[in-house]
Amino acid sequence: MDKVMSLLGFGRRARRVLSGEEGIRRAVLRRRARLLVVAEDASPQSRAMYQRLARAGGVSCTIYGRKEELGRALGTSARSAVAILDAGLASAVVQEIGRRSGGEE
């Protein structure tokens, strides 16, 4: 499991990461979410919906990982998206995704 997925699992255990469309929607609209992570293999409709939601709520949104990986990191079934509620954890996830996409593995 890569570091991003480990961070998501840690956040889930600390109750700072949540999944499920309704929970994510509530967290974004109540300004509790700090980052949305949407799976690369989420349907185009789901990706667009989460990106619109993030824009409307002023939340950063990134595309990373596959649905099965997100679900496994959270100890559940496949997930199209997760919301990170903690600013420090969100920053660490963004930093790690940037490091990985920059080829510094």
PDB file of N, CA and C in Angstrom:
ATOM      1  N   MET A   1       0.858  -1.176   0.000  1.00  0.00           N
ATOM      2  CA  MET A   1       0.000   0.000   0.000  1.00  0.00           C
ATOM      3  C   MET A   1       0.902   1.236   0.000  1.00  0.00           C
ATOM      4  N   ASP A   2       0.572   2.206  -0.840  1.00  0.00           N
ATOM      5  CA  ASP A   2       1.413   3.391  -0.902  1.00  0.00           C
ATOM      6  C   ASP A   2       1.115   4.348   0.254  1.00  0.00           C
ATOM      7  N   LYS A   3       1.937   5.374   0.380  1.00  0.00           N
ATOM      8  CA  LYS A   3       1.847   6.271   1.524  1.00  0.00           C
ATOM      9  C   LYS A   3       0.527   7.043   1.553  1.00  0.00           C
ATOM     10  N   VAL A   4       0.009   7.437   0.388  1.00  0.00           N
ATOM     11  CA  VAL A   4      -1.265   8.156   0.347  1.00  0.00           C
ATOM     12  C   VAL A   4      -2.361   7.282   0.945  1.00  0.00           C
ATOM     13  N   MET A   5      -2.406   6.035   0.547  1.00  0.00           N
ATOM     14  CA  MET A   5      -3.429   5.127   1.066  1.00  0.00           C
ATOM     15  C   MET A   5      -3.231   4.880   2.562  1.00  0.00           C
ATOM     16  N   SER A   6      -1.985   4.817   3.001  1.00  0.00           N
ATOM     17  CA  SER A   6      -1.711   4.671   4.435  1.00  0.00           C
ATOM     18  C   SER A   6      -2.211   5.883   5.208  1.00  0.00           C
ATOM     19  N   LEU A   7      -1.996   7.072   4.663  1.00  0.00           N
ATOM     20  CA  LEU A   7      -2.490   8.290   5.300  1.00  0.00           C
ATOM     21  C   LEU A   7      -4.010   8.285   5.385  1.00  0.00           C
ATOM     22  N   LEU A   8      -4.665   7.832   4.318  1.00  0.00           N
ATOM     23  CA  LEU A   8      -6.129   7.769   4.332  1.00  0.00           C
ATOM     24  C   LEU A   8      -6.617   6.784   5.385  1.00  0.00           C
ATOM     25  N   GLY A   9      -5.946   5.643   5.502  1.00  0.00           N
ATOM     26  CA  GLY A   9      -6.314   4.661   6.522  1.00  0.00           C
ATOM     27  C   GLY A   9      -6.128   5.212   7.924  1.00  0.00           C
ATOM     28  N   PHE A  10      -5.021   5.910   8.131  1.00  0.00           N
ATOM     29  CA  PHE A  10      -4.779   6.549   9.432  1.00  0.00           C
ATOM     30  C   PHE A  10      -5.880   7.566   9.730  1.00  0.00           C
ATOM     31  N   GLY A  11      -6.218   8.372   8.729  1.00  0.00           N
ATOM     32  CA  GLY A  11      -7.277   9.372   8.901  1.00  0.00           C
ATOM     33  C   GLY A  11      -8.622   8.745   9.206  1.00  0.00           C
ATOM     34  N   ARG A  12      -8.904   7.629   8.581  1.00  0.00           N
ATOM     35  CA  ARG A  12     -10.168   6.938   8.839  1.00  0.00           C
ATOM     36  C   ARG A  12     -10.235   6.452  10.288  1.00  0.00           C
ATOM     37  N   ARG A  13      -9.146   5.879  10.754  1.00  0.00           N
ATOM     38  CA  ARG A  13      -9.114   5.404  12.143  1.00  0.00           C
ATOM     39  C   ARG A  13      -9.245   6.565  13.125  1.00  0.00           C
ATOM     40  N   ALA A  14      -8.762   7.741  12.741  1.00  0.00           N
ATOM     41  CA  ALA A  14      -8.863   8.936  13.588  1.00  0.00           C
ATOM     42  C   ALA A  14     -10.186   9.676  13.362  1.00  0.00           C
ATOM     43  N   ARG A  15     -11.033   9.115  12.512  1.00  0.00           N
ATOM     44  CA  ARG A  15     -12.335   9.723  12.179  1.00  0.00           C
ATOM     45  C   ARG A  15     -12.198  11.088  11.527  1.00  0.00           C
ATOM     46  N   ARG A  16     -11.147  11.238  10.720  1.00  0.00           N
ATOM     47  CA  ARG A  16     -10.912  12.483   9.998  1.00  0.00           C
ATOM     48  C   ARG A  16     -11.050  12.284   8.492  1.00  0.00           C
ATOM     49  N   VAL A  17     -11.484  11.105   8.077  1.00  0.00           N
ATOM     50  CA  VAL A  17     -11.747  10.792   6.670  1.00  0.00           C
ATOM     51  C   VAL A  17     -13.091  10.104   6.611  1.00  0.00           C
ATOM     52  N   LEU A  18     -13.904  10.510   5.651  1.00  0.00           N
ATOM     53  CA  LEU A  18     -15.189   9.834   5.496  1.00  0.00           C
ATOM     54  C   LEU A  18     -15.471   9.562   4.033  1.00  0.00           C
ATOM     55  N   SER A  19     -16.411   8.659   3.805  1.00  0.00           N
ATOM     56  CA  SER A  19     -16.789   8.299   2.445  1.00  0.00           C
ATOM     57  C   SER A  19     -18.305   8.211   2.370  1.00  0.00           C
ATOM     58  N   GLY A  20     -18.801   8.001   1.174  1.00  0.00           N
ATOM     59  CA  GLY A  20     -20.240   7.948   0.956  1.00  0.00           C
ATOM     60  C   GLY A  20     -20.717   9.290   0.441  1.00  0.00           C
ATOM     61  N   GLU A  21     -21.503   9.246  -0.617  1.00  0.00           N
ATOM     62  CA  GLU A  21     -21.919  10.478  -1.283  1.00  0.00           C
ATOM     63  C   GLU A  21     -22.584  11.473  -0.339  1.00  0.00           C
ATOM     64  N   GLU A  22     -23.529  11.015   0.472  1.00  0.00           N
ATOM     65  CA  GLU A  22     -24.255  11.939   1.349  1.00  0.00           C
ATOM     66  C   GLU A  22     -23.349  12.530   2.426  1.00  0.00           C
ATOM     67  N   GLY A  23     -22.510  11.703   3.018  1.00  0.00           N
ATOM     68  CA  GLY A  23     -21.587  12.204   4.035  1.00  0.00           C
ATOM     69  C   GLY A  23     -20.596  13.212   3.471  1.00  0.00           C
ATOM     70  N   ILE A  24     -20.095  12.930   2.285  1.00  0.00           N
ATOM     71  CA  ILE A  24     -19.173  13.860   1.628  1.00  0.00           C
ATOM     72  C   ILE A  24     -19.889  15.170   1.317  1.00  0.00           C
ATOM     73  N   ARG A  25     -21.092  15.072   0.772  1.00  0.00           N
ATOM     74  CA  ARG A  25     -21.865  16.271   0.440  1.00  0.00           C
ATOM     75  C   ARG A  25     -22.081  17.144   1.689  1.00  0.00           C
ATOM     76  N   ARG A  26     -22.496  16.521   2.779  1.00  0.00           N
ATOM     77  CA  ARG A  26     -22.719  17.268   4.026  1.00  0.00           C
ATOM     78  C   ARG A  26     -21.435  17.941   4.514  1.00  0.00           C
ATOM     79  N   ALA A  27     -20.338  17.189   4.498  1.00  0.00           N
ATOM     80  CA  ALA A  27     -19.066  17.729   4.985  1.00  0.00           C
ATOM     81  C   ALA A  27     -18.613  18.922   4.140  1.00  0.00           C
ATOM     82  N   VAL A  28     -18.789  18.828   2.831  1.00  0.00           N
ATOM     83  CA  VAL A  28     -18.377  19.931   1.948  1.00  0.00           C
ATOM     84  C   VAL A  28     -19.268  21.143   2.173  1.00  0.00           C
ATOM     85  N   LEU A  29     -20.573  20.944   2.180  1.00  0.00           N
ATOM     86  CA  LEU A  29     -21.492  22.074   2.300  1.00  0.00           C
ATOM     87  C   LEU A  29     -21.450  22.723   3.683  1.00  0.00           C
ATOM     88  N   ARG A  30     -21.060  21.960   4.697  1.00  0.00           N
ATOM     89  CA  ARG A  30     -20.907  22.517   6.046  1.00  0.00           C
ATOM     90  C   ARG A  30     -19.500  23.042   6.287  1.00  0.00           C
ATOM     91  N   ARG A  31     -18.696  23.035   5.239  1.00  0.00           N
ATOM     92  CA  ARG A  31     -17.323  23.562   5.288  1.00  0.00           C
ATOM     93  C   ARG A  31     -16.417  22.790   6.249  1.00  0.00           C
ATOM     94  N   ARG A  32     -16.687  21.504   6.418  1.00  0.00           N
ATOM     95  CA  ARG A  32     -15.846  20.662   7.270  1.00  0.00           C
ATOM     96  C   ARG A  32     -14.762  19.958   6.462  1.00  0.00           C
ATOM     97  N   ALA A  33     -15.027  19.685   5.186  1.00  0.00           N
ATOM     98  CA  ALA A  33     -14.071  18.974   4.335  1.00  0.00           C
ATOM     99  C   ALA A  33     -12.933  19.908   3.933  1.00  0.00           C
ATOM    100  N   ARG A  34     -11.736  19.355   3.907  1.00  0.00           N
ATOM    101  CA  ARG A  34     -10.560  20.119   3.477  1.00  0.00           C
ATOM    102  C   ARG A  34     -10.043  19.662   2.115  1.00  0.00           C
ATOM    103  N   LEU A  35     -10.350  18.418   1.747  1.00  0.00           N
ATOM    104  CA  LEU A  35      -9.888  17.867   0.478  1.00  0.00           C
ATOM    105  C   LEU A  35     -10.788  16.721   0.073  1.00  0.00           C
ATOM    106  N   LEU A  36     -11.127  16.650  -1.213  1.00  0.00           N
ATOM    107  CA  LEU A  36     -11.801  15.481  -1.766  1.00  0.00           C
ATOM    108  C   LEU A  36     -10.794  14.726  -2.610  1.00  0.00           C
ATOM    109  N   VAL A  37     -10.760  13.422  -2.446  1.00  0.00           N
ATOM    110  CA  VAL A  37      -9.940  12.548  -3.280  1.00  0.00           C
ATOM    111  C   VAL A  37     -10.913  11.668  -4.051  1.00  0.00           C
ATOM    112  N   VAL A  38     -10.878  11.789  -5.379  1.00  0.00           N
ATOM    113  CA  VAL A  38     -11.788  11.048  -6.246  1.00  0.00           C
ATOM    114  C   VAL A  38     -10.980   9.991  -6.990  1.00  0.00           C
ATOM    115  N   ALA A  39     -11.505   8.792  -7.070  1.00  0.00           N
ATOM    116  CA  ALA A  39     -10.809   7.682  -7.728  1.00  0.00           C
ATOM    117  C   ALA A  39     -10.661   7.929  -9.222  1.00  0.00           C
ATOM    118  N   GLU A  40      -9.523   7.520  -9.755  1.00  0.00           N
ATOM    119  CA  GLU A  40      -9.256   7.644 -11.184  1.00  0.00           C
ATOM    120  C   GLU A  40     -10.273   6.886 -12.026  1.00  0.00           C
ATOM    121  N   ASP A  41     -10.754   5.761 -11.507  1.00  0.00           N
ATOM    122  CA  ASP A  41     -11.687   4.937 -12.274  1.00  0.00           C
ATOM    123  C   ASP A  41     -13.151   5.184 -11.893  1.00  0.00           C
ATOM    124  N   ALA A  42     -13.422   6.277 -11.186  1.00  0.00           N
ATOM    125  CA  ALA A  42     -14.817   6.653 -10.927  1.00  0.00           C
ATOM    126  C   ALA A  42     -15.452   7.016 -12.265  1.00  0.00           C
ATOM    127  N   SER A  43     -16.742   6.849 -12.378  1.00  0.00           N
ATOM    128  CA  SER A  43     -17.416   7.169 -13.640  1.00  0.00           C
ATOM    129  C   SER A  43     -17.254   8.660 -13.939  1.00  0.00           C
ATOM    130  N   PRO A  44     -17.287   9.027 -15.212  1.00  0.00           N
ATOM    131  CA  PRO A  44     -17.182  10.448 -15.559  1.00  0.00           C
ATOM    132  C   PRO A  44     -18.256  11.293 -14.865  1.00  0.00           C
ATOM    133  N   GLN A  45     -19.451  10.734 -14.688  1.00  0.00           N
ATOM    134  CA  GLN A  45     -20.522  11.460 -14.011  1.00  0.00           C
ATOM    135  C   GLN A  45     -20.178  11.690 -12.546  1.00  0.00           C
ATOM    136  N   SER A  46     -19.647  10.668 -11.887  1.00  0.00           N
ATOM    137  CA  SER A  46     -19.259  10.810 -10.480  1.00  0.00           C
ATOM    138  C   SER A  46     -18.126  11.812 -10.324  1.00  0.00           C
ATOM    139  N   ARG A  47     -17.131  11.713 -11.189  1.00  0.00           N
ATOM    140  CA  ARG A  47     -16.010  12.653 -11.112  1.00  0.00           C
ATOM    141  C   ARG A  47     -16.506  14.081 -11.271  1.00  0.00           C
ATOM    142  N   ALA A  48     -17.347  14.313 -12.267  1.00  0.00           N
ATOM    143  CA  ALA A  48     -17.880  15.658 -12.515  1.00  0.00           C
ATOM    144  C   ALA A  48     -18.704  16.141 -11.325  1.00  0.00           C
ATOM    145  N   MET A  49     -19.514  15.262 -10.760  1.00  0.00           N
ATOM    146  CA  MET A  49     -20.356  15.632  -9.627  1.00  0.00           C
ATOM    147  C   MET A  49     -19.504  16.048  -8.421  1.00  0.00           C
ATOM    148  N   TYR A  50     -18.475  15.262  -8.111  1.00  0.00           N
ATOM    149  CA  TYR A  50     -17.619  15.598  -6.972  1.00  0.00           C
ATOM    150  C   TYR A  50     -16.808  16.861  -7.244  1.00  0.00           C
ATOM    151  N   GLN A  51     -16.373  17.060  -8.473  1.00  0.00           N
ATOM    152  CA  GLN A  51     -15.628  18.275  -8.799  1.00  0.00           C
ATOM    153  C   GLN A  51     -16.518  19.508  -8.690  1.00  0.00           C
ATOM    154  N   ARG A  52     -17.774  19.419  -9.147  1.00  0.00           N
ATOM    155  CA  ARG A  52     -18.721  20.545  -9.000  1.00  0.00           C
ATOM    156  C   ARG A  52     -18.986  20.819  -7.521  1.00  0.00           C
ATOM    157  N   LEU A  53     -19.181  19.763  -6.757  1.00  0.00           N
ATOM    158  CA  LEU A  53     -19.431  19.901  -5.329  1.00  0.00           C
ATOM    159  C   LEU A  53     -18.246  20.598  -4.651  1.00  0.00           C
ATOM    160  N   ALA A  54     -17.044  20.176  -4.979  1.00  0.00           N
ATOM    161  CA  ALA A  54     -15.840  20.780  -4.394  1.00  0.00           C
ATOM    162  C   ALA A  54     -15.760  22.264  -4.748  1.00  0.00           C
ATOM    163  N   ARG A  55     -16.000  22.599  -5.994  1.00  0.00           N
ATOM    164  CA  ARG A  55     -15.977  24.007  -6.401  1.00  0.00           C
ATOM    165  C   ARG A  55     -17.015  24.814  -5.627  1.00  0.00           C
ATOM    166  N   ALA A  56     -18.227  24.280  -5.530  1.00  0.00           N
ATOM    167  CA  ALA A  56     -19.314  24.980  -4.836  1.00  0.00           C
ATOM    168  C   ALA A  56     -18.987  25.193  -3.363  1.00  0.00           C
ATOM    169  N   GLY A  57     -18.274  24.238  -2.762  1.00  0.00           N
ATOM    170  CA  GLY A  57     -17.940  24.336  -1.344  1.00  0.00           C
ATOM    171  C   GLY A  57     -16.580  24.947  -1.068  1.00  0.00           C
ATOM    172  N   GLY A  58     -15.850  25.315  -2.122  1.00  0.00           N
ATOM    173  CA  GLY A  58     -14.526  25.899  -1.934  1.00  0.00           C
ATOM    174  C   GLY A  58     -13.503  24.923  -1.394  1.00  0.00           C
ATOM    175  N   VAL A  59     -13.631  23.663  -1.800  1.00  0.00           N
ATOM    176  CA  VAL A  59     -12.753  22.596  -1.309  1.00  0.00           C
ATOM    177  C   VAL A  59     -11.862  22.120  -2.452  1.00  0.00           C
ATOM    178  N   SER A  60     -10.609  21.849  -2.153  1.00  0.00           N
ATOM    179  CA  SER A  60      -9.712  21.286  -3.156  1.00  0.00           C
ATOM    180  C   SER A  60     -10.152  19.871  -3.498  1.00  0.00           C
ATOM    181  N   CYS A  61      -9.914  19.485  -4.735  1.00  0.00           N
ATOM    182  CA  CYS A  61     -10.294  18.148  -5.210  1.00  0.00           C
ATOM    183  C   CYS A  61      -9.151  17.604  -6.046  1.00  0.00           C
ATOM    184  N   THR A  62      -8.802  16.361  -5.805  1.00  0.00           N
ATOM    185  CA  THR A  62      -7.746  15.729  -6.577  1.00  0.00           C
ATOM    186  C   THR A  62      -8.196  14.347  -7.021  1.00  0.00           C
ATOM    187  N   ILE A  63      -7.649  13.894  -8.133  1.00  0.00           N
ATOM    188  CA  ILE A  63      -7.945  12.564  -8.667  1.00  0.00           C
ATOM    189  C   ILE A  63      -6.749  11.680  -8.323  1.00  0.00           C
ATOM    190  N   TYR A  64      -7.016  10.576  -7.613  1.00  0.00           N
ATOM    191  CA  TYR A  64      -5.915   9.700  -7.215  1.00  0.00           C
ATOM    192  C   TYR A  64      -6.435   8.317  -6.880  1.00  0.00           C
ATOM    193  N   GLY A  65      -5.692   7.308  -7.264  1.00  0.00           N
ATOM    194  CA  GLY A  65      -5.976   5.927  -6.889  1.00  0.00           C
ATOM    195  C   GLY A  65      -7.185   5.345  -7.598  1.00  0.00           C
ATOM    196  N   ARG A  66      -7.434   4.094  -7.301  1.00  0.00           N
ATOM    197  CA  ARG A  66      -8.563   3.383  -7.877  1.00  0.00           C
ATOM    198  C   ARG A  66      -9.594   3.140  -6.775  1.00  0.00           C
ATOM    199  N   LYS A  67     -10.824   2.896  -7.182  1.00  0.00           N
ATOM    200  CA  LYS A  67     -11.905   2.698  -6.207  1.00  0.00           C
ATOM    201  C   LYS A  67     -11.577   1.588  -5.219  1.00  0.00           C
ATOM    202  N   GLU A  68     -11.069   0.480  -5.717  1.00  0.00           N
ATOM    203  CA  GLU A  68     -10.726  -0.641  -4.833  1.00  0.00           C
ATOM    204  C   GLU A  68      -9.649  -0.249  -3.826  1.00  0.00           C
ATOM    205  N   GLU A  69      -8.661   0.526  -4.260  1.00  0.00           N
ATOM    206  CA  GLU A  69      -7.591   0.963  -3.365  1.00  0.00           C
ATOM    207  C   GLU A  69      -8.126   1.894  -2.278  1.00  0.00           C
ATOM    208  N   LEU A  70      -8.990   2.829  -2.672  1.00  0.00           N
ATOM    209  CA  LEU A  70      -9.578   3.735  -1.680  1.00  0.00           C
ATOM    210  C   LEU A  70     -10.380   2.948  -0.651  1.00  0.00           C
ATOM    211  N   GLY A  71     -11.178   2.010  -1.122  1.00  0.00           N
ATOM    212  CA  GLY A  71     -11.960   1.189  -0.209  1.00  0.00           C
ATOM    213  C   GLY A  71     -11.093   0.362   0.718  1.00  0.00           C
ATOM    214  N   ARG A  72     -10.062  -0.250   0.174  1.00  0.00           N
ATOM    215  CA  ARG A  72      -9.160  -1.073   0.990  1.00  0.00           C
ATOM    216  C   ARG A  72      -8.458  -0.211   2.050  1.00  0.00           C
ATOM    217  N   ALA A  73      -8.054   1.004   1.668  1.00  0.00           N
ATOM    218  CA  ALA A  73      -7.389   1.899   2.627  1.00  0.00           C
ATOM    219  C   ALA A  73      -8.311   2.236   3.799  1.00  0.00           C
ATOM    220  N   LEU A  74      -9.621   2.293   3.524  1.00  0.00           N
ATOM    221  CA  LEU A  74     -10.586   2.629   4.567  1.00  0.00           C
ATOM    222  C   LEU A  74     -11.169   1.400   5.247  1.00  0.00           C
ATOM    223  N   GLY A  75     -10.774   0.218   4.780  1.00  0.00           N
ATOM    224  CA  GLY A  75     -11.286  -1.010   5.372  1.00  0.00           C
ATOM    225  C   GLY A  75     -12.724  -1.290   4.988  1.00  0.00           C
ATOM    226  N   THR A  76     -13.095  -0.926   3.783  1.00  0.00           N
ATOM    227  CA  THR A  76     -14.475  -1.103   3.331  1.00  0.00           C
ATOM    228  C   THR A  76     -14.487  -1.496   1.852  1.00  0.00           C
ATOM    229  N   SER A  77     -15.659  -1.498   1.263  1.00  0.00           N
ATOM    230  CA  SER A  77     -15.775  -1.832  -0.159  1.00  0.00           C
ATOM    231  C   SER A  77     -15.275  -0.662  -1.015  1.00  0.00           C
ATOM    232  N   ALA A  78     -15.232  -0.861  -2.313  1.00  0.00           N
ATOM    233  CA  ALA A  78     -14.736   0.158  -3.239  1.00  0.00           C
ATOM    234  C   ALA A  78     -15.441   1.494  -3.020  1.00  0.00           C
ATOM    235  N   ARG A  79     -14.676   2.573  -3.089  1.00  0.00           N
ATOM    236  CA  ARG A  79     -15.192   3.927  -2.885  1.00  0.00           C
ATOM    237  C   ARG A  79     -14.771   4.815  -4.044  1.00  0.00           C
ATOM    238  N   SER A  80     -15.722   5.585  -4.564  1.00  0.00           N
ATOM    239  CA  SER A  80     -15.416   6.516  -5.658  1.00  0.00           C
ATOM    240  C   SER A  80     -14.714   7.759  -5.149  1.00  0.00           C
ATOM    241  N   ALA A  81     -14.973   8.134  -3.907  1.00  0.00           N
ATOM    242  CA  ALA A  81     -14.385   9.359  -3.363  1.00  0.00           C
ATOM    243  C   ALA A  81     -14.337   9.289  -1.847  1.00  0.00           C
ATOM    244  N   VAL A  82     -13.441  10.088  -1.285  1.00  0.00           N
ATOM    245  CA  VAL A  82     -13.361  10.264   0.155  1.00  0.00           C
ATOM    246  C   VAL A  82     -13.159  11.745   0.441  1.00  0.00           C
ATOM    247  N   ALA A  83     -13.605  12.170   1.599  1.00  0.00           N
ATOM    248  CA  ALA A  83     -13.392  13.545   2.054  1.00  0.00           C
ATOM    249  C   ALA A  83     -12.461  13.504   3.254  1.00  0.00           C
ATOM    250  N   ILE A  84     -11.481  14.378   3.244  1.00  0.00           N
ATOM    251  CA  ILE A  84     -10.556  14.507   4.364  1.00  0.00           C
ATOM    252  C   ILE A  84     -10.972  15.743   5.157  1.00  0.00           C
ATOM    253  N   LEU A  85     -11.161  15.568   6.459  1.00  0.00           N
ATOM    254  CA  LEU A  85     -11.676  16.633   7.302  1.00  0.00           C
ATOM    255  C   LEU A  85     -10.588  17.419   8.037  1.00  0.00           C
ATOM    256  N   ASP A  86      -9.401  16.904   8.082  1.00  0.00           N
ATOM    257  CA  ASP A  86      -8.306  17.521   8.827  1.00  0.00           C
ATOM    258  C   ASP A  86      -7.355  18.247   7.881  1.00  0.00           C
ATOM    259  N   ALA A  87      -7.069  19.518   8.158  1.00  0.00           N
ATOM    260  CA  ALA A  87      -6.223  20.323   7.282  1.00  0.00           C
ATOM    261  C   ALA A  87      -4.804  19.761   7.183  1.00  0.00           C
ATOM    262  N   GLY A  88      -4.239  19.321   8.287  1.00  0.00           N
ATOM    263  CA  GLY A  88      -2.887  18.764   8.268  1.00  0.00           C
ATOM    264  C   GLY A  88      -2.806  17.483   7.465  1.00  0.00           C
ATOM    265  N   LEU A  89      -3.784  16.622   7.639  1.00  0.00           N
ATOM    266  CA  LEU A  89      -3.817  15.375   6.871  1.00  0.00           C
ATOM    267  C   LEU A  89      -4.019  15.675   5.389  1.00  0.00           C
ATOM    268  N   ALA A  90      -4.904  16.616   5.080  1.00  0.00           N
ATOM    269  CA  ALA A  90      -5.133  16.989   3.678  1.00  0.00           C
ATOM    270  C   ALA A  90      -3.844  17.507   3.050  1.00  0.00           C
ATOM    271  N   SER A  91      -3.114  18.322   3.784  1.00  0.00           N
ATOM    272  CA  SER A  91      -1.851  18.853   3.291  1.00  0.00           C
ATOM    273  C   SER A  91      -0.837  17.735   3.034  1.00  0.00           C
ATOM    274  N   ALA A  92      -0.757  16.788   3.953  1.00  0.00           N
ATOM    275  CA  ALA A  92       0.168  15.662   3.790  1.00  0.00           C
ATOM    276  C   ALA A  92      -0.197  14.819   2.570  1.00  0.00           C
ATOM    277  N   VAL A  93      -1.491  14.597   2.346  1.00  0.00           N
ATOM    278  CA  VAL A  93      -1.941  13.817   1.194  1.00  0.00           C
ATOM    279  C   VAL A  93      -1.594  14.550  -0.103  1.00  0.00           C
ATOM    280  N   VAL A  94      -1.885  15.844  -0.172  1.00  0.00           N
ATOM    281  CA  VAL A  94      -1.574  16.628  -1.375  1.00  0.00           C
ATOM    282  C   VAL A  94      -0.077  16.621  -1.636  1.00  0.00           C
ATOM    283  N   GLN A  95       0.710  16.792  -0.589  1.00  0.00           N
ATOM    284  CA  GLN A  95       2.162  16.795  -0.722  1.00  0.00           C
ATOM    285  C   GLN A  95       2.667  15.452  -1.251  1.00  0.00           C
ATOM    286  N   GLU A  96       2.148  14.369  -0.725  1.00  0.00           N
ATOM    287  CA  GLU A  96       2.579  13.036  -1.163  1.00  0.00           C
ATOM    288  C   GLU A  96       2.151  12.758  -2.600  1.00  0.00           C
ATOM    289  N   ILE A  97       0.944  13.157  -2.962  1.00  0.00           N
ATOM    290  CA  ILE A  97       0.495  12.975  -4.348  1.00  0.00           C
ATOM    291  C   ILE A  97       1.391  13.778  -5.285  1.00  0.00           C
ATOM    292  N   GLY A  98       1.720  15.003  -4.894  1.00  0.00           N
ATOM    293  CA  GLY A  98       2.618  15.823  -5.702  1.00  0.00           C
ATOM    294  C   GLY A  98       3.991  15.207  -5.836  1.00  0.00           C
ATOM    295  N   ARG A  99       4.495  14.656  -4.754  1.00  0.00           N
ATOM    296  CA  ARG A  99       5.808  14.009  -4.791  1.00  0.00           C
ATOM    297  C   ARG A  99       5.798  12.805  -5.725  1.00  0.00           C
ATOM    298  N   ARG A 100       4.727  12.024  -5.636  1.00  0.00           N
ATOM    299  CA  ARG A 100       4.619  10.831  -6.477  1.00  0.00           C
ATOM    300  C   ARG A 100       4.459  11.190  -7.942  1.00  0.00           C
ATOM    301  N   SER A 101       3.659  12.210  -8.228  1.00  0.00           N
ATOM    302  CA  SER A 101       3.459  12.583  -9.631  1.00  0.00           C
ATOM    303  C   SER A 101       4.676  13.284 -10.196  1.00  0.00           C
ATOM    304  N   GLY A 102       5.524  13.803  -9.298  1.00  0.00           N
ATOM    305  CA  GLY A 102       6.755  14.434  -9.732  1.00  0.00           C
ATOM    306  C   GLY A 102       7.856  13.427 -10.027  1.00  0.00           C
ATOM    307  N   GLY A 103       7.565  12.148  -9.796  1.00  0.00           N
ATOM    308  CA  GLY A 103       8.513  11.082 -10.120  1.00  0.00           C
ATOM    309  C   GLY A 103       9.564  10.845  -9.049  1.00  0.00           C
ATOM    310  N   GLU A 104       9.366  11.357  -7.860  1.00  0.00           N
ATOM    311  CA  GLU A 104      10.350  11.210  -6.787  1.00  0.00           C
ATOM    312  C   GLU A 104      10.009  10.021  -5.892  1.00  0.00           C
ATOM    313  N   GLU A 105       9.862   8.846  -6.434  1.00  0.00           N
ATOM    314  CA  GLU A 105       9.519   7.672  -5.615  1.00  0.00           C
ATOM    315  C   GLU A 105      10.736   7.015  -5.047  1.00  0.00           C
TER     316      GLU A 105
END
